[in-house]
N, C-alpha and C. Protein backbone atom coordinates (compact mmCIF):
# COMPACT_ATOMS: atom_id res chain seq x y z
N MET A 1 -24.66 44.43 -66.42
CA MET A 1 -23.84 45.08 -65.99
C MET A 1 -22.83 43.53 -65.09
N LYS A 2 -21.53 43.60 -65.41
CA LYS A 2 -20.70 43.33 -64.66
C LYS A 2 -20.39 42.98 -62.60
N PRO A 3 -20.21 42.58 -62.20
CA PRO A 3 -19.95 43.62 -60.83
C PRO A 3 -18.04 43.75 -61.20
N ASP A 4 -17.86 44.64 -60.18
CA ASP A 4 -16.89 44.64 -60.03
C ASP A 4 -15.91 44.23 -59.39
N THR A 5 -15.49 42.93 -59.83
CA THR A 5 -15.00 41.75 -58.70
C THR A 5 -13.01 41.51 -58.84
N ASN A 6 -13.11 43.49 -59.15
CA ASN A 6 -11.23 43.17 -58.98
C ASN A 6 -11.43 43.92 -57.30
N GLY A 7 -11.60 44.73 -57.08
CA GLY A 7 -11.60 45.17 -55.49
C GLY A 7 -11.69 43.83 -54.79
N ASP A 8 -12.58 43.31 -54.90
CA ASP A 8 -12.96 42.08 -53.78
C ASP A 8 -11.98 40.98 -54.35
N SER A 9 -11.25 40.75 -55.88
CA SER A 9 -10.08 40.03 -55.45
C SER A 9 -8.60 40.54 -54.87
N ASP A 10 -8.29 41.53 -54.83
CA ASP A 10 -7.93 42.11 -54.83
C ASP A 10 -7.52 42.11 -53.16
N GLY A 11 -8.77 42.62 -52.47
CA GLY A 11 -8.58 43.06 -51.21
C GLY A 11 -8.85 41.70 -50.52
N GLY A 12 -9.39 40.00 -51.34
CA GLY A 12 -9.23 38.97 -50.45
C GLY A 12 -7.49 38.50 -50.37
N GLN A 13 -6.97 39.09 -51.46
CA GLN A 13 -5.32 38.43 -51.58
C GLN A 13 -5.04 39.18 -51.38
N VAL A 14 -5.16 40.16 -50.45
CA VAL A 14 -4.46 41.23 -49.34
C VAL A 14 -4.57 40.46 -48.23
N GLY A 15 -6.14 40.42 -47.96
CA GLY A 15 -6.52 39.79 -46.62
C GLY A 15 -5.61 38.25 -46.50
N LYS A 16 -5.98 37.92 -47.28
CA LYS A 16 -5.04 35.96 -47.67
C LYS A 16 -3.17 35.91 -47.21
N ALA A 17 -2.74 37.73 -48.06
CA ALA A 17 -1.52 37.63 -47.82
C ALA A 17 -1.21 38.23 -46.49
N GLY A 18 -2.37 39.28 -46.17
CA GLY A 18 -2.17 40.09 -44.53
C GLY A 18 -2.00 38.13 -43.63
N SER A 19 -3.55 37.44 -43.50
CA SER A 19 -2.97 36.47 -42.25
C SER A 19 -2.06 35.89 -42.79
N ALA A 20 -1.29 35.37 -44.23
CA ALA A 20 -0.50 34.07 -44.10
C ALA A 20 0.94 35.18 -43.30
N SER A 21 1.21 36.26 -43.08
CA SER A 21 2.14 36.69 -43.34
C SER A 21 3.08 36.89 -41.13
N ALA A 22 1.37 37.16 -40.81
CA ALA A 22 0.90 38.02 -39.53
C ALA A 22 1.79 36.70 -38.33
N PRO A 23 2.11 36.64 -37.50
CA PRO A 23 3.06 36.04 -37.07
C PRO A 23 2.70 34.72 -35.72
N VAL A 24 3.01 33.81 -36.17
CA VAL A 24 2.95 32.97 -35.33
C VAL A 24 3.40 32.65 -34.25
N SER A 25 2.84 32.35 -32.74
CA SER A 25 3.49 31.97 -31.43
C SER A 25 4.03 30.48 -31.36
N THR A 26 5.37 30.30 -31.07
CA THR A 26 5.46 29.00 -31.45
C THR A 26 6.05 28.79 -30.00
N ALA A 27 5.81 29.28 -28.85
CA ALA A 27 6.34 29.30 -27.88
C ALA A 27 4.97 27.85 -27.01
N PRO A 28 5.82 27.66 -26.39
CA PRO A 28 5.13 25.74 -25.56
C PRO A 28 4.10 26.67 -24.82
N LYS A 29 3.06 25.78 -25.15
CA LYS A 29 1.43 26.64 -24.27
C LYS A 29 1.89 25.42 -22.76
N THR A 30 1.34 26.53 -21.66
CA THR A 30 1.75 26.05 -20.76
C THR A 30 0.02 26.20 -20.18
N ARG A 31 0.35 25.48 -18.96
CA ARG A 31 -1.41 25.39 -17.61
C ARG A 31 -0.86 25.48 -16.65
N ASP A 32 -1.75 26.87 -15.63
CA ASP A 32 -2.07 26.46 -15.03
C ASP A 32 -1.75 25.76 -12.98
N LEU A 33 -0.91 25.32 -13.04
CA LEU A 33 -0.46 24.48 -12.47
C LEU A 33 -0.82 25.02 -11.29
N LYS A 34 -1.92 23.93 -10.21
CA LYS A 34 -1.65 24.22 -8.86
C LYS A 34 -0.24 23.58 -7.87
N ALA A 35 -0.50 24.55 -7.00
CA ALA A 35 0.75 24.69 -6.21
C ALA A 35 0.58 23.58 -5.17
N ARG A 36 1.44 22.46 -5.72
CA ARG A 36 1.31 21.12 -4.77
C ARG A 36 1.55 20.81 -3.46
N THR A 37 0.47 21.06 -2.23
CA THR A 37 0.64 20.69 -0.96
C THR A 37 1.96 19.84 -0.53
N PRO A 38 2.72 20.35 0.71
CA PRO A 38 3.32 19.08 1.14
C PRO A 38 2.76 18.02 2.19
N LEU A 39 3.07 16.92 2.10
CA LEU A 39 2.54 15.96 2.54
C LEU A 39 2.45 16.20 4.20
N PRO A 40 1.59 15.94 4.75
CA PRO A 40 1.97 16.45 6.15
C PRO A 40 2.74 15.00 7.09
N LYS A 41 4.26 15.45 7.72
CA LYS A 41 4.59 14.95 7.66
C LYS A 41 3.69 13.86 9.18
N VAL A 42 3.43 14.20 10.10
CA VAL A 42 3.00 12.87 11.72
C VAL A 42 2.09 12.13 10.76
N PRO A 43 0.75 12.32 10.05
CA PRO A 43 0.36 11.21 9.79
C PRO A 43 0.73 10.79 8.82
N MET A 44 1.84 11.31 7.47
CA MET A 44 2.67 9.86 7.12
C MET A 44 3.21 9.22 8.05
N GLY A 45 3.49 9.91 8.60
CA GLY A 45 5.16 9.09 9.19
C GLY A 45 4.33 8.23 9.95
N CYS A 46 2.43 8.33 10.84
CA CYS A 46 2.03 7.34 11.44
C CYS A 46 1.46 5.94 10.10
N MET A 47 1.67 6.18 8.97
CA MET A 47 0.61 5.63 8.03
C MET A 47 2.34 4.47 7.97
N ILE A 48 3.63 5.30 7.62
CA ILE A 48 4.56 4.25 7.18
C ILE A 48 4.93 3.30 8.42
N ALA A 49 4.72 3.45 9.76
CA ALA A 49 5.11 2.65 10.44
C ALA A 49 3.79 2.09 11.13
N ILE A 50 2.78 2.46 10.19
CA ILE A 50 1.72 0.45 10.61
C ILE A 50 2.09 0.23 9.29
N GLN A 51 2.06 0.68 8.02
CA GLN A 51 2.18 -0.68 6.71
C GLN A 51 3.42 -1.38 6.97
N MET A 52 4.82 -0.58 8.14
CA MET A 52 5.92 -1.21 8.41
C MET A 52 5.09 -3.04 8.95
N ASN A 53 4.78 -2.58 9.96
CA ASN A 53 4.00 -3.62 11.23
C ASN A 53 3.04 -5.04 10.48
N GLU A 54 2.74 -3.97 8.95
CA GLU A 54 1.74 -5.32 8.27
C GLU A 54 2.80 -5.71 7.84
N ALA A 55 3.90 -5.49 6.81
CA ALA A 55 5.51 -6.22 7.00
C ALA A 55 5.21 -7.29 7.14
N LEU A 56 6.08 -6.69 8.11
CA LEU A 56 6.87 -7.73 9.29
C LEU A 56 5.68 -9.24 9.49
N MET A 57 4.88 -8.37 10.16
CA MET A 57 3.42 -9.48 10.04
C MET A 57 3.51 -10.14 9.44
N ILE A 58 3.22 -10.01 8.15
CA ILE A 58 3.65 -11.01 6.87
C ILE A 58 4.63 -12.14 6.62
N ASN A 59 5.60 -11.19 6.67
CA ASN A 59 6.88 -11.22 5.69
C ASN A 59 7.70 -12.20 7.19
N VAL A 60 7.35 -12.15 8.40
CA VAL A 60 8.95 -12.72 9.05
C VAL A 60 8.39 -14.14 9.61
N LEU A 61 7.53 -14.33 9.44
CA LEU A 61 7.24 -16.26 8.89
C LEU A 61 7.80 -17.27 8.05
N PHE A 62 7.96 -17.02 7.09
CA PHE A 62 8.28 -17.57 5.86
C PHE A 62 10.05 -17.73 5.86
N PRO A 63 11.24 -17.23 7.21
CA PRO A 63 12.47 -17.82 6.81
C PRO A 63 12.49 -19.34 7.82
N PHE A 64 11.48 -18.97 8.01
CA PHE A 64 11.60 -20.54 9.53
C PHE A 64 10.23 -20.97 9.18
N LEU A 65 9.59 -20.58 8.71
CA LEU A 65 8.38 -21.23 8.00
C LEU A 65 8.25 -22.78 8.14
N VAL A 66 9.33 -23.56 7.81
CA VAL A 66 9.08 -24.62 7.27
C VAL A 66 9.72 -25.65 8.54
N PHE A 67 10.75 -24.96 9.15
CA PHE A 67 11.47 -25.87 9.90
C PHE A 67 10.17 -25.81 11.34
N MET A 68 9.66 -24.89 11.21
CA MET A 68 8.72 -24.53 12.63
C MET A 68 7.88 -25.51 12.69
N THR A 69 7.54 -25.41 10.85
CA THR A 69 6.39 -27.03 11.00
C THR A 69 6.92 -28.57 11.16
N ASP A 70 7.97 -28.40 11.04
CA ASP A 70 8.81 -29.99 10.71
C ASP A 70 9.04 -29.78 13.04
N PHE A 71 9.04 -28.44 13.30
CA PHE A 71 8.98 -28.25 15.10
C PHE A 71 7.87 -29.12 15.26
N PHE A 72 6.53 -28.88 14.46
CA PHE A 72 5.50 -28.97 15.00
C PHE A 72 4.89 -31.08 14.55
N GLY A 73 6.01 -31.53 14.73
CA GLY A 73 5.94 -32.75 13.89
C GLY A 73 5.43 -33.47 12.42
N PHE A 74 5.69 -32.01 11.75
CA PHE A 74 5.25 -33.11 10.95
C PHE A 74 6.03 -32.64 9.45
N THR A 75 5.76 -33.91 8.76
CA THR A 75 6.76 -34.40 7.95
C THR A 75 5.82 -34.58 6.72
N GLY A 76 6.88 -34.31 5.18
CA GLY A 76 6.82 -35.32 4.31
C GLY A 76 5.81 -34.52 3.70
N PRO A 77 4.45 -34.92 2.79
CA PRO A 77 3.40 -34.23 2.37
C PRO A 77 2.60 -33.41 3.08
N ALA A 78 2.32 -33.37 4.11
CA ALA A 78 1.70 -33.15 5.34
C ALA A 78 2.93 -31.99 6.01
N LEU A 79 3.68 -31.97 5.96
CA LEU A 79 4.98 -30.74 6.06
C LEU A 79 4.66 -29.58 4.97
N GLY A 80 3.87 -30.12 3.95
CA GLY A 80 4.01 -28.51 2.94
C GLY A 80 2.85 -28.74 3.23
N TYR A 81 1.95 -29.03 3.61
CA TYR A 81 0.34 -28.16 3.70
C TYR A 81 -0.18 -28.17 4.56
N HIS A 82 0.78 -28.76 5.77
CA HIS A 82 0.00 -27.84 7.47
C HIS A 82 1.22 -26.33 6.88
N ALA A 83 2.45 -26.27 6.45
CA ALA A 83 2.99 -24.95 6.64
C ALA A 83 2.28 -23.81 5.38
N GLY A 84 1.65 -24.30 4.49
CA GLY A 84 0.41 -23.07 3.99
C GLY A 84 -0.49 -22.81 4.70
N ILE A 85 -1.42 -23.97 5.43
CA ILE A 85 -2.03 -23.47 6.44
C ILE A 85 -0.96 -21.82 7.61
N LEU A 86 -0.01 -22.16 7.94
CA LEU A 86 0.09 -21.90 8.35
C LEU A 86 0.81 -20.26 7.92
N ALA A 87 1.25 -20.48 6.93
CA ALA A 87 1.48 -19.40 6.50
C ALA A 87 0.34 -17.94 6.16
N SER A 88 -0.72 -19.02 5.37
CA SER A 88 -2.11 -17.85 5.25
C SER A 88 -2.65 -18.22 5.90
N SER A 89 -3.11 -18.45 7.04
CA SER A 89 -3.72 -17.58 8.42
C SER A 89 -3.39 -15.94 8.53
N PHE A 90 -2.99 -15.49 8.61
CA PHE A 90 -3.01 -14.53 8.63
C PHE A 90 -3.67 -13.54 7.64
N CYS A 91 -3.90 -14.07 6.36
CA CYS A 91 -3.98 -13.26 5.34
C CYS A 91 -5.12 -13.46 5.64
N GLY A 92 -5.24 -14.96 4.96
CA GLY A 92 -7.45 -14.87 5.29
C GLY A 92 -8.26 -14.74 5.98
N ALA A 93 -7.41 -14.61 7.71
CA ALA A 93 -8.22 -13.83 8.69
C ALA A 93 -8.62 -12.60 8.21
N GLN A 94 -7.46 -11.96 8.40
CA GLN A 94 -7.63 -10.46 7.39
C GLN A 94 -8.38 -9.61 6.01
N PHE A 95 -8.48 -11.15 5.46
CA PHE A 95 -9.15 -10.82 4.43
C PHE A 95 -11.39 -11.00 4.94
N LEU A 96 -11.27 -12.03 5.68
CA LEU A 96 -12.26 -11.85 6.55
C LEU A 96 -13.33 -10.85 6.70
N SER A 97 -11.96 -10.50 7.72
CA SER A 97 -12.67 -8.94 8.56
C SER A 97 -13.08 -7.40 8.28
N SER A 98 -11.85 -8.12 7.06
CA SER A 98 -11.99 -6.65 6.74
C SER A 98 -13.10 -5.79 6.24
N ILE A 99 -14.35 -6.65 5.88
CA ILE A 99 -15.76 -5.96 5.77
C ILE A 99 -15.76 -4.85 7.45
N PHE A 100 -16.09 -6.05 7.21
CA PHE A 100 -16.24 -5.44 9.80
C PHE A 100 -15.49 -3.84 10.28
N TRP A 101 -14.42 -4.23 9.56
CA TRP A 101 -13.31 -3.56 9.43
C TRP A 101 -13.21 -1.87 9.06
N GLY A 102 -14.54 -2.67 7.76
CA GLY A 102 -13.99 -1.08 7.38
C GLY A 102 -15.86 -0.06 7.65
N ARG A 103 -16.28 -1.06 7.81
CA ARG A 103 -17.61 -0.90 8.52
C ARG A 103 -17.84 0.24 9.50
N LEU A 104 -16.79 -0.22 11.17
CA LEU A 104 -16.34 0.69 12.16
C LEU A 104 -16.05 1.46 12.06
N ALA A 105 -15.61 1.70 10.63
CA ALA A 105 -14.15 2.95 11.05
C ALA A 105 -15.11 3.64 10.51
N ASP A 106 -16.27 3.30 9.55
CA ASP A 106 -17.22 4.44 9.26
C ASP A 106 -17.71 4.72 10.51
N ARG A 107 -18.38 4.16 12.11
CA ARG A 107 -18.89 4.30 12.43
C ARG A 107 -18.16 5.47 13.45
N VAL A 108 -17.35 4.74 14.12
CA VAL A 108 -16.12 5.32 15.08
C VAL A 108 -15.12 5.87 14.32
N GLY A 109 -13.89 5.90 13.71
CA GLY A 109 -13.26 6.77 12.72
C GLY A 109 -12.23 6.02 12.31
N LEU A 110 -11.50 5.70 11.70
CA LEU A 110 -10.24 5.38 10.71
C LEU A 110 -9.08 4.88 11.83
N LYS A 111 -8.85 6.16 12.77
CA LYS A 111 -7.28 6.72 13.67
C LYS A 111 -8.05 5.23 15.58
N PRO A 112 -9.12 5.21 15.21
CA PRO A 112 -9.49 3.99 16.36
C PRO A 112 -9.52 2.46 15.91
N CYS A 113 -9.80 2.40 15.11
CA CYS A 113 -9.54 1.30 13.70
C CYS A 113 -8.21 0.77 14.17
N LEU A 114 -6.79 1.77 13.03
CA LEU A 114 -6.44 1.82 13.13
C LEU A 114 -4.88 1.47 14.46
N ILE A 115 -5.49 1.79 15.82
CA ILE A 115 -4.28 1.98 16.72
C ILE A 115 -4.76 0.58 17.77
N SER A 116 -6.39 0.04 17.03
CA SER A 116 -6.64 -0.83 18.07
C SER A 116 -6.01 -2.50 17.31
N GLY A 117 -6.21 -1.89 15.58
CA GLY A 117 -5.68 -2.76 14.93
C GLY A 117 -4.13 -3.47 14.46
N THR A 118 -3.67 -2.71 14.80
CA THR A 118 -2.18 -2.64 15.52
C THR A 118 -1.63 -2.65 16.72
N LEU A 119 -2.23 -2.85 18.12
CA LEU A 119 -2.02 -3.18 19.14
C LEU A 119 -3.05 -4.74 19.71
N GLY A 120 -3.67 -5.30 19.01
CA GLY A 120 -3.99 -6.36 18.79
C GLY A 120 -3.60 -7.51 17.74
N SER A 121 -2.52 -7.11 16.56
CA SER A 121 -2.66 -7.63 15.74
C SER A 121 -0.21 -7.99 16.74
N SER A 122 -0.09 -6.32 17.31
CA SER A 122 1.14 -6.92 18.12
C SER A 122 1.02 -7.87 19.08
N LEU A 123 -0.11 -8.08 19.41
CA LEU A 123 -0.74 -8.30 21.05
C LEU A 123 0.09 -10.40 20.83
N MET A 124 -0.93 -10.67 19.58
CA MET A 124 -1.56 -11.76 19.10
C MET A 124 0.20 -12.07 18.23
N PHE A 125 0.40 -11.24 18.31
CA PHE A 125 2.15 -12.03 17.03
C PHE A 125 3.76 -12.07 18.43
N PHE A 126 3.32 -11.87 19.51
CA PHE A 126 3.69 -12.40 20.95
C PHE A 126 3.35 -13.19 21.22
N GLN A 127 2.06 -13.89 21.59
CA GLN A 127 1.41 -14.94 21.49
C GLN A 127 2.03 -16.06 20.64
N PHE A 128 1.72 -15.39 19.68
CA PHE A 128 2.27 -16.87 18.60
C PHE A 128 4.04 -16.96 18.87
N GLY A 129 4.97 -16.23 18.91
CA GLY A 129 6.11 -16.35 19.83
C GLY A 129 5.94 -17.37 20.96
N LEU A 130 4.27 -17.93 20.82
CA LEU A 130 4.93 -18.68 22.48
C LEU A 130 4.18 -19.53 21.88
N SER A 131 3.84 -20.26 21.27
CA SER A 131 3.69 -21.10 20.07
C SER A 131 3.80 -22.38 20.91
N ARG A 132 2.93 -23.22 21.44
CA ARG A 132 3.91 -24.67 21.53
C ARG A 132 3.40 -26.11 20.44
N ASN A 133 2.25 -25.63 19.98
CA ASN A 133 1.66 -26.63 18.71
C ASN A 133 1.69 -26.02 17.47
N PHE A 134 1.54 -26.68 16.81
CA PHE A 134 0.12 -26.64 15.50
C PHE A 134 -0.72 -24.83 15.87
N GLY A 135 -1.79 -25.74 16.07
CA GLY A 135 -2.08 -24.90 16.38
C GLY A 135 -3.01 -23.51 17.58
N GLN A 136 -2.07 -24.00 18.37
CA GLN A 136 -1.82 -22.71 19.07
C GLN A 136 -1.47 -21.32 18.01
N ALA A 137 -0.40 -22.06 17.19
CA ALA A 137 0.31 -21.10 16.25
C ALA A 137 -1.13 -20.89 14.98
N VAL A 138 -1.33 -21.38 14.55
CA VAL A 138 -2.68 -20.95 13.63
C VAL A 138 -3.09 -20.75 14.20
N ALA A 139 -3.93 -20.58 15.29
CA ALA A 139 -5.33 -20.01 16.57
C ALA A 139 -4.83 -18.53 16.18
N ALA A 140 -3.02 -18.39 17.15
CA ALA A 140 -2.73 -17.32 16.98
C ALA A 140 -2.10 -16.28 15.57
N ARG A 141 -2.04 -16.51 14.66
CA ARG A 141 -1.11 -16.13 13.73
C ARG A 141 -3.05 -15.31 12.56
N ALA A 142 -4.16 -16.63 13.45
CA ALA A 142 -5.72 -16.26 12.77
C ALA A 142 -6.12 -14.59 13.44
N CYS A 143 -5.43 -14.55 14.44
CA CYS A 143 -6.50 -13.79 16.31
C CYS A 143 -5.46 -12.34 15.07
N ALA A 144 -4.54 -12.56 14.97
CA ALA A 144 -4.54 -11.03 14.73
C ALA A 144 -4.05 -10.54 12.97
N GLY A 145 -5.33 -11.79 12.54
CA GLY A 145 -5.30 -11.27 11.48
C GLY A 145 -6.85 -10.78 11.56
N LEU A 146 -7.41 -11.67 12.29
CA LEU A 146 -8.88 -10.70 12.11
C LEU A 146 -8.84 -9.99 13.54
N LEU A 147 -8.10 -9.48 14.79
CA LEU A 147 -8.26 -8.05 14.84
C LEU A 147 -7.46 -6.78 14.55
N ASN A 148 -6.98 -7.39 12.82
CA ASN A 148 -6.22 -6.15 12.09
C ASN A 148 -7.27 -6.22 11.06
N GLY A 149 -7.37 -4.72 10.22
CA GLY A 149 -8.24 -4.59 8.95
C GLY A 149 -6.75 -3.29 8.54
N ASN A 150 -6.23 -2.80 8.93
CA ASN A 150 -5.44 -2.09 8.89
C ASN A 150 -4.92 -1.75 6.66
N SER A 151 -4.48 -3.02 5.81
CA SER A 151 -4.39 -3.40 5.03
C SER A 151 -5.59 -2.29 4.05
N GLY A 152 -7.01 -1.70 3.99
CA GLY A 152 -7.86 -1.85 3.48
C GLY A 152 -7.74 -0.17 3.94
N LEU A 153 -7.78 -0.29 5.82
CA LEU A 153 -8.17 1.54 5.73
C LEU A 153 -6.79 2.13 6.03
N LEU A 154 -5.84 2.29 5.38
CA LEU A 154 -4.57 2.23 4.86
C LEU A 154 -4.76 3.65 3.98
N LYS A 155 -5.44 2.67 2.83
CA LYS A 155 -5.74 3.66 2.25
C LYS A 155 -6.59 4.33 1.89
N VAL A 156 -7.55 4.74 3.25
CA VAL A 156 -8.94 5.44 3.08
C VAL A 156 -8.22 6.54 3.24
N TYR A 157 -7.58 6.39 4.81
CA TYR A 157 -6.44 7.62 5.63
C TYR A 157 -5.75 8.12 4.86
N VAL A 158 -4.57 7.76 4.31
CA VAL A 158 -3.55 7.93 2.65
C VAL A 158 -5.28 8.84 2.23
N ALA A 159 -6.04 8.45 1.73
CA ALA A 159 -7.09 9.46 0.89
C ALA A 159 -7.75 10.25 1.51
N LYS A 160 -7.42 10.37 3.28
CA LYS A 160 -8.51 11.97 3.95
C LYS A 160 -7.52 13.06 4.21
N VAL A 161 -5.75 12.42 4.13
CA VAL A 161 -5.15 13.92 4.51
C VAL A 161 -4.55 13.89 3.47
N THR A 162 -4.25 13.83 2.52
CA THR A 162 -4.12 14.29 1.78
C THR A 162 -4.95 15.35 0.11
N ASP A 163 -4.23 15.76 -0.90
CA ASP A 163 -5.50 16.46 -1.87
C ASP A 163 -5.06 15.90 -3.17
N GLN A 164 -5.70 16.60 -3.82
CA GLN A 164 -5.42 16.37 -5.18
C GLN A 164 -4.04 16.55 -5.66
N SER A 165 -3.13 17.08 -5.20
CA SER A 165 -1.71 18.08 -5.97
C SER A 165 -0.69 17.04 -5.20
N ASN A 166 -0.99 16.09 -4.46
CA ASN A 166 -0.12 15.41 -3.78
C ASN A 166 -0.65 14.19 -3.44
N ARG A 167 -1.76 13.77 -3.42
CA ARG A 167 -2.43 12.25 -3.48
C ARG A 167 -1.32 11.41 -3.85
N ALA A 168 -0.96 10.91 -5.20
CA ALA A 168 -0.18 10.42 -5.92
C ALA A 168 1.10 9.34 -5.21
N LYS A 169 1.86 10.87 -4.29
CA LYS A 169 2.30 10.55 -3.34
C LYS A 169 2.87 10.47 -2.90
N GLY A 170 1.68 10.82 -1.73
CA GLY A 170 1.67 9.94 -0.53
C GLY A 170 0.77 8.35 -0.85
N PHE A 171 0.10 7.82 -2.10
CA PHE A 171 -0.31 7.04 -1.82
C PHE A 171 1.32 5.80 -2.18
N SER A 172 2.14 6.25 -2.74
CA SER A 172 3.79 5.75 -3.66
C SER A 172 4.15 5.17 -1.97
N PHE A 173 4.15 5.79 -1.23
CA PHE A 173 4.54 5.51 0.36
C PHE A 173 4.46 4.16 1.39
N ILE A 174 3.22 4.31 0.71
CA ILE A 174 2.44 2.82 0.60
C ILE A 174 3.51 1.18 0.76
N SER A 175 3.60 1.44 -0.46
CA SER A 175 4.51 0.71 -0.92
C SER A 175 6.08 0.74 -1.12
N LEU A 176 5.86 2.32 -0.72
CA LEU A 176 7.70 2.20 -0.01
C LEU A 176 7.83 1.47 0.53
N ALA A 177 6.91 1.36 2.24
CA ALA A 177 6.53 1.56 3.10
C ALA A 177 7.13 -0.47 3.34
N TRP A 178 6.30 -0.62 2.71
CA TRP A 178 5.85 -2.30 2.84
C TRP A 178 6.95 -3.09 1.82
N GLY A 179 7.75 -2.15 1.08
CA GLY A 179 9.19 -2.60 0.54
C GLY A 179 10.83 -2.53 1.65
N GLU A 180 10.65 -1.68 1.85
CA GLU A 180 11.88 -1.62 3.26
C GLU A 180 11.67 -2.20 3.77
N TRP A 181 10.57 -2.38 4.46
CA TRP A 181 10.31 -3.04 5.70
C TRP A 181 10.73 -4.94 5.66
N GLY A 182 9.41 -5.25 4.36
CA GLY A 182 9.74 -6.53 3.94
C GLY A 182 11.01 -7.21 4.00
N TRP A 183 11.81 -6.58 3.16
CA TRP A 183 12.60 -7.25 3.93
C TRP A 183 13.42 -7.21 5.11
N VAL A 184 13.34 -7.07 5.79
CA VAL A 184 13.54 -7.22 7.22
C VAL A 184 12.56 -8.39 8.26
N GLY A 185 11.71 -8.84 6.75
CA GLY A 185 11.14 -9.55 7.79
C GLY A 185 11.72 -10.52 7.90
N PHE A 186 12.63 -10.72 6.29
CA PHE A 186 13.19 -12.58 6.07
C PHE A 186 15.32 -12.37 6.88
N GLY A 187 14.42 -10.83 7.72
CA GLY A 187 15.93 -11.49 8.49
C GLY A 187 15.96 -12.27 9.67
N GLY A 188 14.58 -13.19 9.68
CA GLY A 188 14.77 -14.47 11.20
C GLY A 188 15.51 -15.76 9.67
N SER A 189 15.89 -15.72 8.60
CA SER A 189 17.05 -16.49 7.67
C SER A 189 18.57 -15.88 9.11
N VAL A 190 18.94 -14.73 9.35
CA VAL A 190 20.47 -14.74 10.16
C VAL A 190 19.88 -16.17 11.25
N GLY A 191 19.17 -16.68 12.30
CA GLY A 191 19.11 -17.40 12.22
C GLY A 191 20.04 -18.32 12.32
N LEU A 192 19.33 -18.90 10.55
CA LEU A 192 19.96 -20.15 10.06
C LEU A 192 21.56 -20.13 10.28
N VAL A 193 21.88 -18.89 9.85
CA VAL A 193 23.71 -18.84 10.02
C VAL A 193 24.26 -19.27 10.74
N ALA A 194 23.29 -18.14 12.28
CA ALA A 194 24.03 -18.62 13.58
C ALA A 194 24.45 -20.16 14.13
N GLU A 195 23.04 -21.15 13.23
CA GLU A 195 23.51 -22.33 13.70
C GLU A 195 24.35 -22.89 13.07
N ILE A 196 24.54 -21.62 11.64
CA ILE A 196 26.17 -22.80 10.83
C ILE A 196 27.31 -22.67 12.09
N PHE A 197 27.50 -21.87 12.25
CA PHE A 197 28.86 -20.75 12.03
C PHE A 197 28.69 -20.53 13.33
N VAL A 198 27.77 -20.44 14.42
CA VAL A 198 27.90 -20.54 16.43
C VAL A 198 28.12 -21.62 17.31
């Protein structure tokens, strides 16, 4: 006896037709996004001020670097060689002391290290302005770098005062502060204009 497949086939067709005619939602799928936490104003303001100090420390030298090296008595190929030493002394010393500052921050905290680094580099920046020879200038710049580990500590600080919802925005202010204040460091070139027209 053959099984009656008419009912099964009809039922299958009806089932297919029913599934084909079922309404399909075309609305875009949305994810439940966590509300973005506002950036803390005071910590971010302190971070921007410290980062501006970093940019000024590095960039303020370049407009008068060659003229300062020439004033110290170097000419010709020696001028370029000694200008490179003077320009790189701050960043080189900061690189050498970065691990020390990172370990110290783990023991005493980020804030004391950030404050001491800013004050130390500021004092050495003042000493750099009083330099009367090439050795004093390089020593002042190098000491400013050794006393300043803020380049790496600032990133850790931003990571601690933000969360997953606003961390990307917080890190963007690091580059913004550097760019905004970096060009101010080149304001020393205004002195060259003054020599020409005054």
